[in-house]
């Protein structure tokens, strides 16, 4: 929230130098509203729980809604810090799932990386 407030203050300062403080205020409030709505949408869409099963991976958001489900169909990994898994759903549609190494315990991250590499070989 602090970053949003700093961004809005910077926007207000830049626009106020050209238009004046009161004329820039409505635009700054619009920027504030759009950034808060975007942050809220991003927070709700963030994965909150992962279940690694024998048949694949299930991902839920923080409010308990199912985000993605399917078998791991591929993987790409960058230096042990970021893992991109391709999940194939029941309909055959693939969905990419980005996982940062610090978002999971190290053992779970390694397990997902191994499952992803195995699936990529097949």
PDB file of N, CA and C in Angstrom:
ATOM      1  N   UNK A   1       0.827  -1.191   0.000  1.00  0.00           N
ATOM      2  CA  UNK A   1       0.000   0.000   0.000  1.00  0.00           C
ATOM      3  C   UNK A   1       0.869   1.251   0.000  1.00  0.00           C
ATOM      4  N   UNK A   2       2.018   1.146   0.667  1.00  0.00           N
ATOM      5  CA  UNK A   2       2.929   2.280   0.708  1.00  0.00           C
ATOM      6  C   UNK A   2       3.443   2.625  -0.689  1.00  0.00           C
ATOM      7  N   UNK A   3       3.738   1.619  -1.485  1.00  0.00           N
ATOM      8  CA  UNK A   3       4.206   1.862  -2.863  1.00  0.00           C
ATOM      9  C   UNK A   3       3.136   2.563  -3.681  1.00  0.00           C
ATOM     10  N   UNK A   4       1.886   2.190  -3.487  1.00  0.00           N
ATOM     11  CA  UNK A   4       0.786   2.837  -4.206  1.00  0.00           C
ATOM     12  C   UNK A   4       0.705   4.305  -3.808  1.00  0.00           C
ATOM     13  N   UNK A   5       0.808   4.585  -2.528  1.00  0.00           N
ATOM     14  CA  UNK A   5       0.739   5.975  -2.066  1.00  0.00           C
ATOM     15  C   UNK A   5       1.903   6.802  -2.599  1.00  0.00           C
ATOM     16  N   UNK A   6       3.082   6.217  -2.659  1.00  0.00           N
ATOM     17  CA  UNK A   6       4.241   6.928  -3.204  1.00  0.00           C
ATOM     18  C   UNK A   6       4.040   7.206  -4.693  1.00  0.00           C
ATOM     19  N   UNK A   7       3.521   6.222  -5.431  1.00  0.00           N
ATOM     20  CA  UNK A   7       3.280   6.410  -6.866  1.00  0.00           C
ATOM     21  C   UNK A   7       2.239   7.504  -7.101  1.00  0.00           C
ATOM     22  N   UNK A   8       1.183   7.524  -6.302  1.00  0.00           N
ATOM     23  CA  UNK A   8       0.152   8.552  -6.455  1.00  0.00           C
ATOM     24  C   UNK A   8       0.713   9.927  -6.089  1.00  0.00           C
ATOM     25  N   UNK A   9       1.518   9.997  -5.050  1.00  0.00           N
ATOM     26  CA  UNK A   9       2.130  11.281  -4.675  1.00  0.00           C
ATOM     27  C   UNK A   9       3.066  11.788  -5.774  1.00  0.00           C
ATOM     28  N   UNK A  10       3.821  10.892  -6.391  1.00  0.00           N
ATOM     29  CA  UNK A  10       4.704  11.290  -7.489  1.00  0.00           C
ATOM     30  C   UNK A  10       3.893  11.769  -8.688  1.00  0.00           C
ATOM     31  N   UNK A  11       2.804  11.075  -8.993  1.00  0.00           N
ATOM     32  CA  UNK A  11       1.927  11.487 -10.088  1.00  0.00           C
ATOM     33  C   UNK A  11       1.336  12.860  -9.809  1.00  0.00           C
ATOM     34  N   UNK A  12       0.855  13.058  -8.602  1.00  0.00           N
ATOM     35  CA  UNK A  12       0.271  14.345  -8.205  1.00  0.00           C
ATOM     36  C   UNK A  12       1.310  15.461  -8.301  1.00  0.00           C
ATOM     37  N   UNK A  13       2.532  15.205  -7.844  1.00  0.00           N
ATOM     38  CA  UNK A  13       3.576  16.234  -7.878  1.00  0.00           C
ATOM     39  C   UNK A  13       3.929  16.618  -9.318  1.00  0.00           C
ATOM     40  N   UNK A  14       4.023  15.634 -10.200  1.00  0.00           N
ATOM     41  CA  UNK A  14       4.353  15.926 -11.606  1.00  0.00           C
ATOM     42  C   UNK A  14       3.229  16.699 -12.291  1.00  0.00           C
ATOM     43  N   UNK A  15       2.006  16.274 -12.058  1.00  0.00           N
ATOM     44  CA  UNK A  15       0.869  16.928 -12.706  1.00  0.00           C
ATOM     45  C   UNK A  15       0.585  18.296 -12.080  1.00  0.00           C
ATOM     46  N   UNK A  16       0.789  18.419 -10.792  1.00  0.00           N
ATOM     47  CA  UNK A  16       0.536  19.690 -10.109  1.00  0.00           C
ATOM     48  C   UNK A  16       1.496  20.773 -10.576  1.00  0.00           C
ATOM     49  N   UNK A  17       2.691  20.398 -10.963  1.00  0.00           N
ATOM     50  CA  UNK A  17       3.653  21.386 -11.450  1.00  0.00           C
ATOM     51  C   UNK A  17       3.167  22.021 -12.753  1.00  0.00           C
ATOM     52  N   UNK A  18       2.395  21.313 -13.532  1.00  0.00           N
ATOM     53  CA  UNK A  18       1.889  21.824 -14.811  1.00  0.00           C
ATOM     54  C   UNK A  18       0.501  22.460 -14.694  1.00  0.00           C
ATOM     55  N   UNK A  19      -0.392  21.818 -13.923  1.00  0.00           N
ATOM     56  CA  UNK A  19      -1.782  22.256 -13.881  1.00  0.00           C
ATOM     57  C   UNK A  19      -2.168  23.001 -12.613  1.00  0.00           C
ATOM     58  N   UNK A  20      -1.508  22.693 -11.544  1.00  0.00           N
ATOM     59  CA  UNK A  20      -1.898  23.216 -10.239  1.00  0.00           C
ATOM     60  C   UNK A  20      -2.389  22.057  -9.378  1.00  0.00           C
ATOM     61  N   UNK A  21      -2.345  22.270  -8.070  1.00  0.00           N
ATOM     62  CA  UNK A  21      -2.661  21.193  -7.131  1.00  0.00           C
ATOM     63  C   UNK A  21      -4.112  20.752  -7.257  1.00  0.00           C
ATOM     64  N   UNK A  22      -5.055  21.695  -7.305  1.00  0.00           N
ATOM     65  CA  UNK A  22      -6.476  21.336  -7.305  1.00  0.00           C
ATOM     66  C   UNK A  22      -6.910  20.733  -8.635  1.00  0.00           C
ATOM     67  N   UNK A  23      -6.308  21.142  -9.726  1.00  0.00           N
ATOM     68  CA  UNK A  23      -6.679  20.581 -11.018  1.00  0.00           C
ATOM     69  C   UNK A  23      -6.103  19.163 -11.199  1.00  0.00           C
ATOM     70  N   UNK A  24      -5.022  18.856 -10.527  1.00  0.00           N
ATOM     71  CA  UNK A  24      -4.391  17.534 -10.628  1.00  0.00           C
ATOM     72  C   UNK A  24      -5.018  16.522  -9.672  1.00  0.00           C
ATOM     73  N   UNK A  25      -5.751  16.992  -8.683  1.00  0.00           N
ATOM     74  CA  UNK A  25      -6.315  16.099  -7.655  1.00  0.00           C
ATOM     75  C   UNK A  25      -7.264  15.045  -8.226  1.00  0.00           C
ATOM     76  N   UNK A  26      -8.205  15.371  -9.129  1.00  0.00           N
ATOM     77  CA  UNK A  26      -9.087  14.317  -9.657  1.00  0.00           C
ATOM     78  C   UNK A  26      -8.321  13.215 -10.409  1.00  0.00           C
ATOM     79  N   UNK A  27      -7.311  13.614 -11.169  1.00  0.00           N
ATOM     80  CA  UNK A  27      -6.509  12.615 -11.883  1.00  0.00           C
ATOM     81  C   UNK A  27      -5.734  11.745 -10.897  1.00  0.00           C
ATOM     82  N   UNK A  28      -5.224  12.340  -9.839  1.00  0.00           N
ATOM     83  CA  UNK A  28      -4.488  11.562  -8.829  1.00  0.00           C
ATOM     84  C   UNK A  28      -5.422  10.596  -8.115  1.00  0.00           C
ATOM     85  N   UNK A  29      -6.643  11.012  -7.840  1.00  0.00           N
ATOM     86  CA  UNK A  29      -7.609  10.101  -7.214  1.00  0.00           C
ATOM     87  C   UNK A  29      -7.974   8.953  -8.156  1.00  0.00           C
ATOM     88  N   UNK A  30      -8.063   9.233  -9.447  1.00  0.00           N
ATOM     89  CA  UNK A  30      -8.335   8.174 -10.420  1.00  0.00           C
ATOM     90  C   UNK A  30      -7.180   7.171 -10.471  1.00  0.00           C
ATOM     91  N   UNK A  31      -5.957   7.674 -10.414  1.00  0.00           N
ATOM     92  CA  UNK A  31      -4.784   6.788 -10.393  1.00  0.00           C
ATOM     93  C   UNK A  31      -4.787   5.959  -9.113  1.00  0.00           C
ATOM     94  N   UNK A  32      -5.102   6.587  -7.983  1.00  0.00           N
ATOM     95  CA  UNK A  32      -5.172   5.866  -6.720  1.00  0.00           C
ATOM     96  C   UNK A  32      -6.207   4.743  -6.793  1.00  0.00           C
ATOM     97  N   UNK A  33      -7.379   5.035  -7.302  1.00  0.00           N
ATOM     98  CA  UNK A  33      -8.432   4.024  -7.389  1.00  0.00           C
ATOM     99  C   UNK A  33      -8.028   2.876  -8.307  1.00  0.00           C
ATOM    100  N   UNK A  34      -7.434   3.194  -9.449  1.00  0.00           N
ATOM    101  CA  UNK A  34      -7.048   2.121 -10.375  1.00  0.00           C
ATOM    102  C   UNK A  34      -5.931   1.255  -9.792  1.00  0.00           C
ATOM    103  N   UNK A  35      -4.979   1.859  -9.099  1.00  0.00           N
ATOM    104  CA  UNK A  35      -3.897   1.067  -8.499  1.00  0.00           C
ATOM    105  C   UNK A  35      -4.406   0.190  -7.357  1.00  0.00           C
ATOM    106  N   UNK A  36      -5.323   0.696  -6.555  1.00  0.00           N
ATOM    107  CA  UNK A  36      -5.884  -0.099  -5.461  1.00  0.00           C
ATOM    108  C   UNK A  36      -6.700  -1.266  -6.017  1.00  0.00           C
ATOM    109  N   UNK A  37      -7.496  -1.009  -7.048  1.00  0.00           N
ATOM    110  CA  UNK A  37      -8.271  -2.096  -7.663  1.00  0.00           C
ATOM    111  C   UNK A  37      -7.362  -3.151  -8.287  1.00  0.00           C
ATOM    112  N   UNK A  38      -6.305  -2.728  -8.958  1.00  0.00           N
ATOM    113  CA  UNK A  38      -5.370  -3.674  -9.564  1.00  0.00           C
ATOM    114  C   UNK A  38      -4.643  -4.494  -8.497  1.00  0.00           C
ATOM    115  N   UNK A  39      -4.247  -3.857  -7.412  1.00  0.00           N
ATOM    116  CA  UNK A  39      -3.570  -4.570  -6.328  1.00  0.00           C
ATOM    117  C   UNK A  39      -4.506  -5.592  -5.682  1.00  0.00           C
ATOM    118  N   UNK A  40      -5.766  -5.215  -5.497  1.00  0.00           N
ATOM    119  CA  UNK A  40      -6.749  -6.131  -4.920  1.00  0.00           C
ATOM    120  C   UNK A  40      -6.978  -7.329  -5.846  1.00  0.00           C
ATOM    121  N   UNK A  41      -7.094  -7.081  -7.130  1.00  0.00           N
ATOM    122  CA  UNK A  41      -7.273  -8.168  -8.102  1.00  0.00           C
ATOM    123  C   UNK A  41      -6.057  -9.098  -8.095  1.00  0.00           C
ATOM    124  N   UNK A  42      -4.882  -8.518  -8.056  1.00  0.00           N
ATOM    125  CA  UNK A  42      -3.651  -9.322  -8.031  1.00  0.00           C
ATOM    126  C   UNK A  42      -3.569 -10.154  -6.749  1.00  0.00           C
ATOM    127  N   UNK A  43      -3.932  -9.577  -5.626  1.00  0.00           N
ATOM    128  CA  UNK A  43      -3.861 -10.299  -4.359  1.00  0.00           C
ATOM    129  C   UNK A  43      -4.824 -11.482  -4.356  1.00  0.00           C
ATOM    130  N   UNK A  44      -6.033 -11.285  -4.913  1.00  0.00           N
ATOM    131  CA  UNK A  44      -7.001 -12.380  -4.950  1.00  0.00           C
ATOM    132  C   UNK A  44      -6.604 -13.482  -5.922  1.00  0.00           C
ATOM    133  N   UNK A  45      -5.883 -13.162  -6.971  1.00  0.00           N
ATOM    134  CA  UNK A  45      -5.500 -14.146  -7.976  1.00  0.00           C
ATOM    135  C   UNK A  45      -4.218 -14.885  -7.610  1.00  0.00           C
ATOM    136  N   UNK A  46      -3.532 -14.439  -6.579  1.00  0.00           N
ATOM    137  CA  UNK A  46      -2.293 -15.091  -6.169  1.00  0.00           C
ATOM    138  C   UNK A  46      -2.562 -16.475  -5.600  1.00  0.00           C
ATOM    139  N   UNK A  47      -1.739 -17.455  -5.956  1.00  0.00           N
ATOM    140  CA  UNK A  47      -1.931 -18.790  -5.369  1.00  0.00           C
ATOM    141  C   UNK A  47      -1.746 -18.762  -3.859  1.00  0.00           C
ATOM    142  N   UNK A  48      -2.624 -19.448  -3.167  1.00  0.00           N
ATOM    143  CA  UNK A  48      -2.547 -19.515  -1.715  1.00  0.00           C
ATOM    144  C   UNK A  48      -2.191 -20.893  -1.213  1.00  0.00           C
ATOM    145  N   UNK A  49      -2.531 -21.924  -2.003  1.00  0.00           N
ATOM    146  CA  UNK A  49      -2.246 -23.293  -1.591  1.00  0.00           C
ATOM    147  C   UNK A  49      -1.995 -24.168  -2.824  1.00  0.00           C
ATOM    148  N   UNK A  50      -1.048 -25.059  -2.693  1.00  0.00           N
ATOM    149  CA  UNK A  50      -0.722 -26.025  -3.735  1.00  0.00           C
ATOM    150  C   UNK A  50      -0.888 -27.421  -3.168  1.00  0.00           C
ATOM    151  N   UNK A  51      -1.418 -28.317  -3.975  1.00  0.00           N
ATOM    152  CA  UNK A  51      -1.480 -29.722  -3.572  1.00  0.00           C
ATOM    153  C   UNK A  51      -0.799 -30.531  -4.658  1.00  0.00           C
ATOM    154  N   UNK A  52       0.301 -31.160  -4.285  1.00  0.00           N
ATOM    155  CA  UNK A  52       1.048 -32.007  -5.208  1.00  0.00           C
ATOM    156  C   UNK A  52       0.546 -33.422  -5.016  1.00  0.00           C
ATOM    157  N   UNK A  53      -0.065 -33.954  -6.051  1.00  0.00           N
ATOM    158  CA  UNK A  53      -0.615 -35.298  -5.963  1.00  0.00           C
ATOM    159  C   UNK A  53       0.002 -36.211  -7.009  1.00  0.00           C
ATOM    160  N   UNK A  54      -0.352 -37.495  -6.954  1.00  0.00           N
ATOM    161  CA  UNK A  54       0.209 -38.447  -7.931  1.00  0.00           C
ATOM    162  C   UNK A  54      -0.296 -38.189  -9.351  1.00  0.00           C
ATOM    163  N   UNK A  55      -1.472 -37.562  -9.464  1.00  0.00           N
ATOM    164  CA  UNK A  55      -2.039 -37.313 -10.784  1.00  0.00           C
ATOM    165  C   UNK A  55      -1.788 -35.898 -11.287  1.00  0.00           C
ATOM    166  N   UNK A  56      -1.140 -35.065 -10.511  1.00  0.00           N
ATOM    167  CA  UNK A  56      -0.836 -33.715 -10.969  1.00  0.00           C
ATOM    168  C   UNK A  56      -0.774 -32.709  -9.849  1.00  0.00           C
ATOM    169  N   UNK A  57      -1.159 -31.507 -10.171  1.00  0.00           N
ATOM    170  CA  UNK A  57      -1.036 -30.373  -9.257  1.00  0.00           C
ATOM    171  C   UNK A  57      -2.358 -29.612  -9.221  1.00  0.00           C
ATOM    172  N   UNK A  58      -2.754 -29.183  -8.029  1.00  0.00           N
ATOM    173  CA  UNK A  58      -3.957 -28.382  -7.848  1.00  0.00           C
ATOM    174  C   UNK A  58      -3.547 -27.098  -7.139  1.00  0.00           C
ATOM    175  N   UNK A  59      -4.050 -25.961  -7.634  1.00  0.00           N
ATOM    176  CA  UNK A  59      -3.697 -24.650  -7.090  1.00  0.00           C
ATOM    177  C   UNK A  59      -4.970 -23.910  -6.716  1.00  0.00           C
ATOM    178  N   UNK A  60      -5.021 -23.404  -5.469  1.00  0.00           N
ATOM    179  CA  UNK A  60      -6.137 -22.598  -4.983  1.00  0.00           C
ATOM    180  C   UNK A  60      -5.644 -21.205  -4.642  1.00  0.00           C
ATOM    181  N   UNK A  61      -6.543 -20.209  -4.724  1.00  0.00           N
ATOM    182  CA  UNK A  61      -6.167 -18.868  -4.298  1.00  0.00           C
ATOM    183  C   UNK A  61      -6.433 -18.724  -2.800  1.00  0.00           C
ATOM    184  N   UNK A  62      -6.216 -17.533  -2.268  1.00  0.00           N
ATOM    185  CA  UNK A  62      -6.336 -17.309  -0.823  1.00  0.00           C
ATOM    186  C   UNK A  62      -7.762 -17.438  -0.303  1.00  0.00           C
ATOM    187  N   UNK A  63      -8.745 -17.255  -1.175  1.00  0.00           N
ATOM    188  CA  UNK A  63     -10.134 -17.382  -0.734  1.00  0.00           C
ATOM    189  C   UNK A  63     -10.694 -18.776  -0.972  1.00  0.00           C
ATOM    190  N   UNK A  64      -9.863 -19.715  -1.389  1.00  0.00           N
ATOM    191  CA  UNK A  64     -10.279 -21.099  -1.527  1.00  0.00           C
ATOM    192  C   UNK A  64     -10.845 -21.479  -2.883  1.00  0.00           C
ATOM    193  N   UNK A  65     -10.775 -20.604  -3.862  1.00  0.00           N
ATOM    194  CA  UNK A  65     -11.262 -20.921  -5.196  1.00  0.00           C
ATOM    195  C   UNK A  65     -10.172 -21.638  -5.990  1.00  0.00           C
ATOM    196  N   UNK A  66     -10.586 -22.601  -6.787  1.00  0.00           N
ATOM    197  CA  UNK A  66      -9.658 -23.364  -7.610  1.00  0.00           C
ATOM    198  C   UNK A  66      -9.134 -22.486  -8.741  1.00  0.00           C
ATOM    199  N   UNK A  67      -7.804 -22.340  -8.835  1.00  0.00           N
ATOM    200  CA  UNK A  67      -7.198 -21.544  -9.895  1.00  0.00           C
ATOM    201  C   UNK A  67      -6.769 -22.406 -11.073  1.00  0.00           C
ATOM    202  N   UNK A  68      -6.113 -23.512 -10.794  1.00  0.00           N
ATOM    203  CA  UNK A  68      -5.613 -24.386 -11.856  1.00  0.00           C
ATOM    204  C   UNK A  68      -5.534 -25.806 -11.327  1.00  0.00           C
ATOM    205  N   UNK A  69      -5.736 -26.740 -12.248  1.00  0.00           N
ATOM    206  CA  UNK A  69      -5.667 -28.143 -11.880  1.00  0.00           C
ATOM    207  C   UNK A  69      -5.266 -28.922 -13.127  1.00  0.00           C
ATOM    208  N   UNK A  70      -4.396 -29.887 -12.969  1.00  0.00           N
ATOM    209  CA  UNK A  70      -4.005 -30.719 -14.092  1.00  0.00           C
ATOM    210  C   UNK A  70      -2.705 -31.436 -13.837  1.00  0.00           C
ATOM    211  N   UNK A  71      -2.345 -32.243 -14.798  1.00  0.00           N
ATOM    212  CA  UNK A  71      -1.073 -32.953 -14.671  1.00  0.00           C
ATOM    213  C   UNK A  71       0.041 -32.038 -15.169  1.00  0.00           C
ATOM    214  N   UNK A  72       1.220 -32.221 -14.628  1.00  0.00           N
ATOM    215  CA  UNK A  72       2.365 -31.411 -15.028  1.00  0.00           C
ATOM    216  C   UNK A  72       2.830 -31.920 -16.383  1.00  0.00           C
ATOM    217  N   UNK A  73       2.811 -31.055 -17.391  1.00  0.00           N
ATOM    218  CA  UNK A  73       3.128 -31.455 -18.756  1.00  0.00           C
ATOM    219  C   UNK A  73       4.467 -30.917 -19.236  1.00  0.00           C
ATOM    220  N   UNK A  74       5.081 -30.037 -18.501  1.00  0.00           N
ATOM    221  CA  UNK A  74       6.365 -29.474 -18.910  1.00  0.00           C
ATOM    222  C   UNK A  74       6.888 -28.540 -17.853  1.00  0.00           C
ATOM    223  N   UNK A  75       8.137 -28.133 -18.060  1.00  0.00           N
ATOM    224  CA  UNK A  75       8.790 -27.331 -17.031  1.00  0.00           C
ATOM    225  C   UNK A  75       9.916 -26.513 -17.640  1.00  0.00           C
ATOM    226  N   UNK A  76      10.153 -25.370 -17.067  1.00  0.00           N
ATOM    227  CA  UNK A  76      11.316 -24.551 -17.379  1.00  0.00           C
ATOM    228  C   UNK A  76      11.780 -23.958 -16.057  1.00  0.00           C
ATOM    229  N   UNK A  77      13.087 -23.980 -15.824  1.00  0.00           N
ATOM    230  CA  UNK A  77      13.610 -23.514 -14.542  1.00  0.00           C
ATOM    231  C   UNK A  77      14.804 -22.608 -14.781  1.00  0.00           C
ATOM    232  N   UNK A  78      14.864 -21.503 -14.023  1.00  0.00           N
ATOM    233  CA  UNK A  78      15.984 -20.588 -14.119  1.00  0.00           C
ATOM    234  C   UNK A  78      16.725 -20.524 -12.790  1.00  0.00           C
ATOM    235  N   UNK A  79      17.878 -21.071 -12.783  1.00  0.00           N
ATOM    236  CA  UNK A  79      18.867 -20.995 -11.695  1.00  0.00           C
ATOM    237  C   UNK A  79      18.302 -21.247 -10.299  1.00  0.00           C
ATOM    238  N   UNK A  80      17.339 -22.104 -10.178  1.00  0.00           N
ATOM    239  CA  UNK A  80      16.812 -22.441  -8.867  1.00  0.00           C
ATOM    240  C   UNK A  80      16.004 -21.347  -8.214  1.00  0.00           C
ATOM    241  N   UNK A  81      15.674 -20.301  -8.947  1.00  0.00           N
ATOM    242  CA  UNK A  81      14.918 -19.186  -8.370  1.00  0.00           C
ATOM    243  C   UNK A  81      13.503 -19.070  -8.908  1.00  0.00           C
ATOM    244  N   UNK A  82      13.283 -19.554 -10.122  1.00  0.00           N
ATOM    245  CA  UNK A  82      11.975 -19.443 -10.749  1.00  0.00           C
ATOM    246  C   UNK A  82      11.672 -20.730 -11.499  1.00  0.00           C
ATOM    247  N   UNK A  83      10.457 -21.197 -11.343  1.00  0.00           N
ATOM    248  CA  UNK A  83      10.010 -22.430 -11.982  1.00  0.00           C
ATOM    249  C   UNK A  83       8.723 -22.123 -12.740  1.00  0.00           C
ATOM    250  N   UNK A  84       8.687 -22.514 -14.001  1.00  0.00           N
ATOM    251  CA  UNK A  84       7.484 -22.349 -14.799  1.00  0.00           C
ATOM    252  C   UNK A  84       6.995 -23.743 -15.164  1.00  0.00           C
ATOM    253  N   UNK A  85       5.818 -24.086 -14.677  1.00  0.00           N
ATOM    254  CA  UNK A  85       5.231 -25.392 -14.947  1.00  0.00           C
ATOM    255  C   UNK A  85       4.097 -25.231 -15.950  1.00  0.00           C
ATOM    256  N   UNK A  86       4.010 -26.169 -16.872  1.00  0.00           N
ATOM    257  CA  UNK A  86       2.882 -26.227 -17.801  1.00  0.00           C
ATOM    258  C   UNK A  86       1.927 -27.289 -17.274  1.00  0.00           C
ATOM    259  N   UNK A  87       0.713 -26.875 -16.942  1.00  0.00           N
ATOM    260  CA  UNK A  87      -0.300 -27.803 -16.446  1.00  0.00           C
ATOM    261  C   UNK A  87      -1.285 -28.100 -17.566  1.00  0.00           C
ATOM    262  N   UNK A  88      -1.504 -29.372 -17.836  1.00  0.00           N
ATOM    263  CA  UNK A  88      -2.478 -29.785 -18.846  1.00  0.00           C
ATOM    264  C   UNK A  88      -3.749 -30.203 -18.125  1.00  0.00           C
ATOM    265  N   UNK A  89      -4.834 -29.513 -18.404  1.00  0.00           N
ATOM    266  CA  UNK A  89      -6.116 -29.807 -17.772  1.00  0.00           C
ATOM    267  C   UNK A  89      -6.794 -30.992 -18.425  1.00  0.00           C
ATOM    268  N   UNK A  90      -7.960 -31.329 -17.940  1.00  0.00           N
ATOM    269  CA  UNK A  90      -8.715 -32.465 -18.472  1.00  0.00           C
ATOM    270  C   UNK A  90      -9.123 -32.230 -19.922  1.00  0.00           C
ATOM    271  N   UNK A  91      -9.310 -30.969 -20.288  1.00  0.00           N
ATOM    272  CA  UNK A  91      -9.698 -30.648 -21.664  1.00  0.00           C
ATOM    273  C   UNK A  91      -8.504 -30.616 -22.610  1.00  0.00           C
ATOM    274  N   UNK A  92      -7.295 -30.778 -22.076  1.00  0.00           N
ATOM    275  CA  UNK A  92      -6.090 -30.726 -22.892  1.00  0.00           C
ATOM    276  C   UNK A  92      -5.491 -29.338 -22.994  1.00  0.00           C
ATOM    277  N   UNK A  93      -6.173 -28.353 -22.472  1.00  0.00           N
ATOM    278  CA  UNK A  93      -5.690 -26.973 -22.494  1.00  0.00           C
ATOM    279  C   UNK A  93      -4.546 -26.819 -21.501  1.00  0.00           C
ATOM    280  N   UNK A  94      -3.481 -26.184 -21.939  1.00  0.00           N
ATOM    281  CA  UNK A  94      -2.319 -25.973 -21.068  1.00  0.00           C
ATOM    282  C   UNK A  94      -2.378 -24.600 -20.431  1.00  0.00           C
ATOM    283  N   UNK A  95      -1.889 -24.553 -19.200  1.00  0.00           N
ATOM    284  CA  UNK A  95      -1.841 -23.298 -18.459  1.00  0.00           C
ATOM    285  C   UNK A  95      -0.485 -23.199 -17.786  1.00  0.00           C
ATOM    286  N   UNK A  96       0.157 -22.041 -17.889  1.00  0.00           N
ATOM    287  CA  UNK A  96       1.463 -21.829 -17.270  1.00  0.00           C
ATOM    288  C   UNK A  96       1.289 -21.370 -15.831  1.00  0.00           C
ATOM    289  N   UNK A  97       2.138 -21.883 -14.969  1.00  0.00           N
ATOM    290  CA  UNK A  97       2.128 -21.519 -13.559  1.00  0.00           C
ATOM    291  C   UNK A  97       3.542 -21.116 -13.173  1.00  0.00           C
ATOM    292  N   UNK A  98       3.734 -19.855 -12.769  1.00  0.00           N
ATOM    293  CA  UNK A  98       5.038 -19.353 -12.354  1.00  0.00           C
ATOM    294  C   UNK A  98       5.156 -19.479 -10.850  1.00  0.00           C
ATOM    295  N   UNK A  99       6.266 -20.059 -10.409  1.00  0.00           N
ATOM    296  CA  UNK A  99       6.487 -20.252  -8.976  1.00  0.00           C
ATOM    297  C   UNK A  99       7.888 -19.744  -8.632  1.00  0.00           C
ATOM    298  N   UNK A 100       7.946 -18.770  -7.742  1.00  0.00           N
ATOM    299  CA  UNK A 100       9.229 -18.272  -7.254  1.00  0.00           C
ATOM    300  C   UNK A 100       9.728 -19.190  -6.146  1.00  0.00           C
ATOM    301  N   UNK A 101      11.037 -19.347  -6.067  1.00  0.00           N
ATOM    302  CA  UNK A 101      11.623 -20.268  -5.090  1.00  0.00           C
ATOM    303  C   UNK A 101      11.300 -19.865  -3.654  1.00  0.00           C
ATOM    304  N   UNK A 102      11.201 -18.578  -3.387  1.00  0.00           N
ATOM    305  CA  UNK A 102      10.931 -18.151  -2.017  1.00  0.00           C
ATOM    306  C   UNK A 102       9.441 -18.208  -1.659  1.00  0.00           C
ATOM    307  N   UNK A 103       8.591 -18.620  -2.593  1.00  0.00           N
ATOM    308  CA  UNK A 103       7.160 -18.736  -2.318  1.00  0.00           C
ATOM    309  C   UNK A 103       6.804 -20.080  -1.684  1.00  0.00           C
ATOM    310  N   UNK A 104       7.700 -21.039  -1.766  1.00  0.00           N
ATOM    311  CA  UNK A 104       7.456 -22.384  -1.244  1.00  0.00           C
ATOM    312  C   UNK A 104       8.608 -22.816  -0.357  1.00  0.00           C
ATOM    313  N   UNK A 105       8.367 -23.798   0.491  1.00  0.00           N
ATOM    314  CA  UNK A 105       9.491 -24.403   1.197  1.00  0.00           C
ATOM    315  C   UNK A 105      10.444 -25.050   0.180  1.00  0.00           C
ATOM    316  N   UNK A 106      11.706 -25.117   0.513  1.00  0.00           N
ATOM    317  CA  UNK A 106      12.720 -25.624  -0.420  1.00  0.00           C
ATOM    318  C   UNK A 106      12.411 -27.044  -0.887  1.00  0.00           C
ATOM    319  N   UNK A 107      11.929 -27.897   0.007  1.00  0.00           N
ATOM    320  CA  UNK A 107      11.633 -29.285  -0.370  1.00  0.00           C
ATOM    321  C   UNK A 107      10.498 -29.350  -1.392  1.00  0.00           C
ATOM    322  N   UNK A 108       9.471 -28.541  -1.216  1.00  0.00           N
ATOM    323  CA  UNK A 108       8.344 -28.531  -2.163  1.00  0.00           C
ATOM    324  C   UNK A 108       8.778 -27.974  -3.512  1.00  0.00           C
ATOM    325  N   UNK A 109       9.626 -26.948  -3.510  1.00  0.00           N
ATOM    326  CA  UNK A 109      10.125 -26.383  -4.759  1.00  0.00           C
ATOM    327  C   UNK A 109      10.940 -27.410  -5.525  1.00  0.00           C
ATOM    328  N   UNK A 110      11.817 -28.133  -4.807  1.00  0.00           N
ATOM    329  CA  UNK A 110      12.625 -29.179  -5.458  1.00  0.00           C
ATOM    330  C   UNK A 110      11.746 -30.287  -6.005  1.00  0.00           C
ATOM    331  N   UNK A 111      10.726 -30.684  -5.248  1.00  0.00           N
ATOM    332  CA  UNK A 111       9.818 -31.738  -5.708  1.00  0.00           C
ATOM    333  C   UNK A 111       9.096 -31.324  -6.984  1.00  0.00           C
ATOM    334  N   UNK A 112       8.632 -30.088  -7.031  1.00  0.00           N
ATOM    335  CA  UNK A 112       7.966 -29.607  -8.239  1.00  0.00           C
ATOM    336  C   UNK A 112       8.935 -29.531  -9.419  1.00  0.00           C
ATOM    337  N   UNK A 113      10.171 -29.123  -9.159  1.00  0.00           N
ATOM    338  CA  UNK A 113      11.166 -29.060 -10.226  1.00  0.00           C
ATOM    339  C   UNK A 113      11.453 -30.452 -10.790  1.00  0.00           C
ATOM    340  N   UNK A 114      11.573 -31.443  -9.916  1.00  0.00           N
ATOM    341  CA  UNK A 114      11.819 -32.818 -10.362  1.00  0.00           C
ATOM    342  C   UNK A 114      10.626 -33.340 -11.157  1.00  0.00           C
ATOM    343  N   UNK A 115       9.415 -33.118 -10.652  1.00  0.00           N
ATOM    344  CA  UNK A 115       8.213 -33.556 -11.375  1.00  0.00           C
ATOM    345  C   UNK A 115       8.121 -32.872 -12.744  1.00  0.00           C
ATOM    346  N   UNK A 116       8.465 -31.607 -12.791  1.00  0.00           N
ATOM    347  CA  UNK A 116       8.427 -30.890 -14.051  1.00  0.00           C
ATOM    348  C   UNK A 116       9.462 -31.384 -15.049  1.00  0.00           C
ATOM    349  N   UNK A 117      10.681 -31.666 -14.572  1.00  0.00           N
ATOM    350  CA  UNK A 117      11.706 -32.195 -15.482  1.00  0.00           C
ATOM    351  C   UNK A 117      11.327 -33.575 -16.005  1.00  0.00           C
ATOM    352  N   UNK A 118      10.759 -34.404 -15.143  1.00  0.00           N
ATOM    353  CA  UNK A 118      10.309 -35.722 -15.591  1.00  0.00           C
ATOM    354  C   UNK A 118       9.217 -35.604 -16.658  1.00  0.00           C
ATOM    355  N   UNK A 119       8.288 -34.703 -16.437  1.00  0.00           N
ATOM    356  CA  UNK A 119       7.191 -34.531 -17.392  1.00  0.00           C
ATOM    357  C   UNK A 119       7.693 -33.958 -18.714  1.00  0.00           C
ATOM    358  N   UNK A 120       8.731 -33.114 -18.668  1.00  0.00           N
ATOM    359  CA  UNK A 120       9.272 -32.517 -19.881  1.00  0.00           C
ATOM    360  C   UNK A 120       9.983 -33.562 -20.745  1.00  0.00           C
ATOM    361  N   UNK A 121      10.527 -34.590 -20.133  1.00  0.00           N
ATOM    362  CA  UNK A 121      11.227 -35.647 -20.883  1.00  0.00           C
ATOM    363  C   UNK A 121      10.264 -36.540 -21.639  1.00  0.00           C
ATOM    364  N   UNK A 122       9.065 -36.691 -21.100  1.00  0.00           N
ATOM    365  CA  UNK A 122       8.085 -37.622 -21.690  1.00  0.00           C
ATOM    366  C   UNK A 122       7.498 -37.078 -22.972  1.00  0.00           C
TER     367      UNK A 122
END
